[in-house]
PDB file of N, CA and C in Angstrom:
ATOM      1  N   UNK A   1      -0.054  -7.113  19.311  1.00  0.00           N
ATOM      2  CA  UNK A   1      -1.153  -7.838  19.696  1.00  0.00           C
ATOM      3  C   UNK A   1      -0.796  -8.967  18.189  1.00  0.00           C
ATOM      4  N   UNK A   2      -1.855  -8.697  17.578  1.00  0.00           N
ATOM      5  CA  UNK A   2      -2.066  -9.533  16.433  1.00  0.00           C
ATOM      6  C   UNK A   2      -1.054  -8.988  15.331  1.00  0.00           C
ATOM      7  N   UNK A   3      -0.912  -7.916  15.160  1.00  0.00           N
ATOM      8  CA  UNK A   3      -0.223  -7.485  14.131  1.00  0.00           C
ATOM      9  C   UNK A   3       1.312  -7.483  14.361  1.00  0.00           C
ATOM     10  N   UNK A   4       1.870  -7.744  15.931  1.00  0.00           N
ATOM     11  CA  UNK A   4       3.477  -8.080  16.108  1.00  0.00           C
ATOM     12  C   UNK A   4       3.637  -9.268  15.489  1.00  0.00           C
ATOM     13  N   UNK A   5       2.451 -10.505  14.949  1.00  0.00           N
ATOM     14  CA  UNK A   5       3.005 -11.452  14.833  1.00  0.00           C
ATOM     15  C   UNK A   5       3.062 -11.616  13.262  1.00  0.00           C
ATOM     16  N   UNK A   6       2.214 -10.522  12.636  1.00  0.00           N
ATOM     17  CA  UNK A   6       2.327 -10.076  10.886  1.00  0.00           C
ATOM     18  C   UNK A   6       2.997  -9.009  10.631  1.00  0.00           C
ATOM     19  N   UNK A   7       4.103  -8.820  11.640  1.00  0.00           N
ATOM     20  CA  UNK A   7       4.956  -7.430  11.305  1.00  0.00           C
ATOM     21  C   UNK A   7       5.526  -7.796  10.008  1.00  0.00           C
ATOM     22  N   UNK A   8       6.359  -9.149   9.337  1.00  0.00           N
ATOM     23  CA  UNK A   8       6.751  -8.979   8.168  1.00  0.00           C
ATOM     24  C   UNK A   8       6.058  -8.752   6.773  1.00  0.00           C
ATOM     25  N   UNK A   9       4.784  -9.240   7.262  1.00  0.00           N
ATOM     26  CA  UNK A   9       3.426  -8.822   6.178  1.00  0.00           C
ATOM     27  C   UNK A   9       3.583  -7.363   5.941  1.00  0.00           C
ATOM     28  N   UNK A  10       3.115  -6.495   7.315  1.00  0.00           N
ATOM     29  CA  UNK A  10       3.300  -5.221   7.172  1.00  0.00           C
ATOM     30  C   UNK A  10       4.245  -4.740   6.651  1.00  0.00           C
ATOM     31  N   UNK A  11       5.645  -5.132   6.691  1.00  0.00           N
ATOM     32  CA  UNK A  11       6.580  -4.806   5.804  1.00  0.00           C
ATOM     33  C   UNK A  11       6.666  -4.900   4.393  1.00  0.00           C
ATOM     34  N   UNK A  12       5.942  -5.842   4.268  1.00  0.00           N
ATOM     35  CA  UNK A  12       5.996  -6.025   2.402  1.00  0.00           C
ATOM     36  C   UNK A  12       5.000  -5.481   1.778  1.00  0.00           C
ATOM     37  N   UNK A  13       3.991  -5.112   2.502  1.00  0.00           N
ATOM     38  CA  UNK A  13       2.790  -4.790   1.685  1.00  0.00           C
ATOM     39  C   UNK A  13       3.241  -3.369   1.177  1.00  0.00           C
ATOM     40  N   UNK A  14       4.025  -2.476   1.567  1.00  0.00           N
ATOM     41  CA  UNK A  14       4.465  -1.122   1.031  1.00  0.00           C
ATOM     42  C   UNK A  14       4.757  -1.442  -0.325  1.00  0.00           C
ATOM     43  N   UNK A  15       5.488  -2.552  -0.256  1.00  0.00           N
ATOM     44  CA  UNK A  15       6.557  -2.996  -1.660  1.00  0.00           C
ATOM     45  C   UNK A  15       5.567  -3.135  -2.759  1.00  0.00           C
ATOM     46  N   UNK A  16       4.665  -4.374  -2.095  1.00  0.00           N
ATOM     47  CA  UNK A  16       3.627  -4.923  -2.992  1.00  0.00           C
ATOM     48  C   UNK A  16       2.861  -3.655  -3.568  1.00  0.00           C
ATOM     49  N   UNK A  17       2.422  -2.640  -2.846  1.00  0.00           N
ATOM     50  CA  UNK A  17       1.693  -1.625  -3.413  1.00  0.00           C
ATOM     51  C   UNK A  17       2.352  -0.915  -4.294  1.00  0.00           C
ATOM     52  N   UNK A  18       3.591  -0.393  -4.069  1.00  0.00           N
ATOM     53  CA  UNK A  18       4.763   0.261  -4.781  1.00  0.00           C
ATOM     54  C   UNK A  18       4.632  -0.461  -6.312  1.00  0.00           C
ATOM     55  N   UNK A  19       4.969  -1.622  -6.264  1.00  0.00           N
ATOM     56  CA  UNK A  19       5.255  -2.490  -7.219  1.00  0.00           C
ATOM     57  C   UNK A  19       3.820  -2.477  -8.316  1.00  0.00           C
ATOM     58  N   UNK A  20       2.878  -3.021  -7.696  1.00  0.00           N
ATOM     59  CA  UNK A  20       1.556  -2.744  -8.528  1.00  0.00           C
ATOM     60  C   UNK A  20       1.365  -1.364  -9.095  1.00  0.00           C
ATOM     61  N   UNK A  21       1.691  -0.149  -8.205  1.00  0.00           N
ATOM     62  CA  UNK A  21       1.638   0.910  -8.793  1.00  0.00           C
ATOM     63  C   UNK A  21       2.147   1.268 -10.145  1.00  0.00           C
ATOM     64  N   UNK A  22       3.380   0.935 -10.210  1.00  0.00           N
ATOM     65  CA  UNK A  22       4.435   1.154 -11.115  1.00  0.00           C
ATOM     66  C   UNK A  22       3.804   0.195 -12.491  1.00  0.00           C
ATOM     67  N   UNK A  23       3.446  -1.116 -11.826  1.00  0.00           N
ATOM     68  CA  UNK A  23       2.858  -1.928 -12.984  1.00  0.00           C
ATOM     69  C   UNK A  23       1.944  -0.986 -13.806  1.00  0.00           C
ATOM     70  N   UNK A  24       1.026  -0.662 -13.103  1.00  0.00           N
ATOM     71  CA  UNK A  24      -0.415   0.138 -13.501  1.00  0.00           C
ATOM     72  C   UNK A  24       0.119   1.385 -14.451  1.00  0.00           C
ATOM     73  N   UNK A  25       1.094   1.969 -13.857  1.00  0.00           N
ATOM     74  CA  UNK A  25       1.535   3.267 -14.640  1.00  0.00           C
ATOM     75  C   UNK A  25       2.414   2.798 -15.919  1.00  0.00           C
ATOM     76  N   UNK A  26       2.906   1.773 -15.810  1.00  0.00           N
ATOM     77  CA  UNK A  26       3.528   1.509 -16.931  1.00  0.00           C
ATOM     78  C   UNK A  26       2.921   0.954 -18.075  1.00  0.00           C
ATOM     79  N   UNK A  27       1.739  -0.287 -17.494  1.00  0.00           N
ATOM     80  CA  UNK A  27       1.009  -0.920 -18.330  1.00  0.00           C
ATOM     81  C   UNK A  27      -0.040   0.659 -19.330  1.00  0.00           C
ATOM     82  N   UNK A  28      -0.334   1.622 -18.224  1.00  0.00           N
ATOM     83  CA  UNK A  28      -1.304   2.436 -18.841  1.00  0.00           C
ATOM     84  C   UNK A  28      -0.233   3.320 -19.885  1.00  0.00           C
ATOM     85  N   UNK A  29       0.849   3.495 -19.782  1.00  0.00           N
ATOM     86  CA  UNK A  29       1.397   4.414 -20.786  1.00  0.00           C
ATOM     87  C   UNK A  29       1.789   3.752 -21.962  1.00  0.00           C
ATOM     88  N   UNK A  30       1.905   2.291 -21.750  1.00  0.00           N
ATOM     89  CA  UNK A  30       1.866   1.618 -22.680  1.00  0.00           C
ATOM     90  C   UNK A  30       0.948   1.223 -23.658  1.00  0.00           C
ATOM     91  N   UNK A  31      -0.314   0.997 -23.132  1.00  0.00           N
ATOM     92  CA  UNK A  31      -1.224   0.906 -23.754  1.00  0.00           C
ATOM     93  C   UNK A  31      -1.934   2.300 -24.456  1.00  0.00           C
ATOM     94  N   UNK A  32      -1.504   3.471 -23.905  1.00  0.00           N
ATOM     95  CA  UNK A  32      -2.224   4.544 -24.401  1.00  0.00           C
ATOM     96  C   UNK A  32      -1.195   5.610 -24.930  1.00  0.00           C
ATOM     97  N   UNK A  33      -0.015   5.103 -25.502  1.00  0.00           N
ATOM     98  CA  UNK A  33       1.112   5.489 -26.410  1.00  0.00           C
ATOM     99  C   UNK A  33       0.896   4.898 -27.681  1.00  0.00           C
ATOM    100  N   UNK A  34       0.618   6.113 -28.378  1.00  0.00           N
ATOM    101  CA  UNK A  34       0.472   5.543 -30.391  1.00  0.00           C
ATOM    102  C   UNK A  34       1.598   4.826 -30.571  1.00  0.00           C
TER     103      UNK A  34
END
């Protein structure tokens, strides 16, 4: 249906979430590491 036209976005979202998660973990490690 509508999702068919947004298929590329649906495939990209997991990568965006993964990148954001990595950035958050790295930022947290840098901030909380003495």
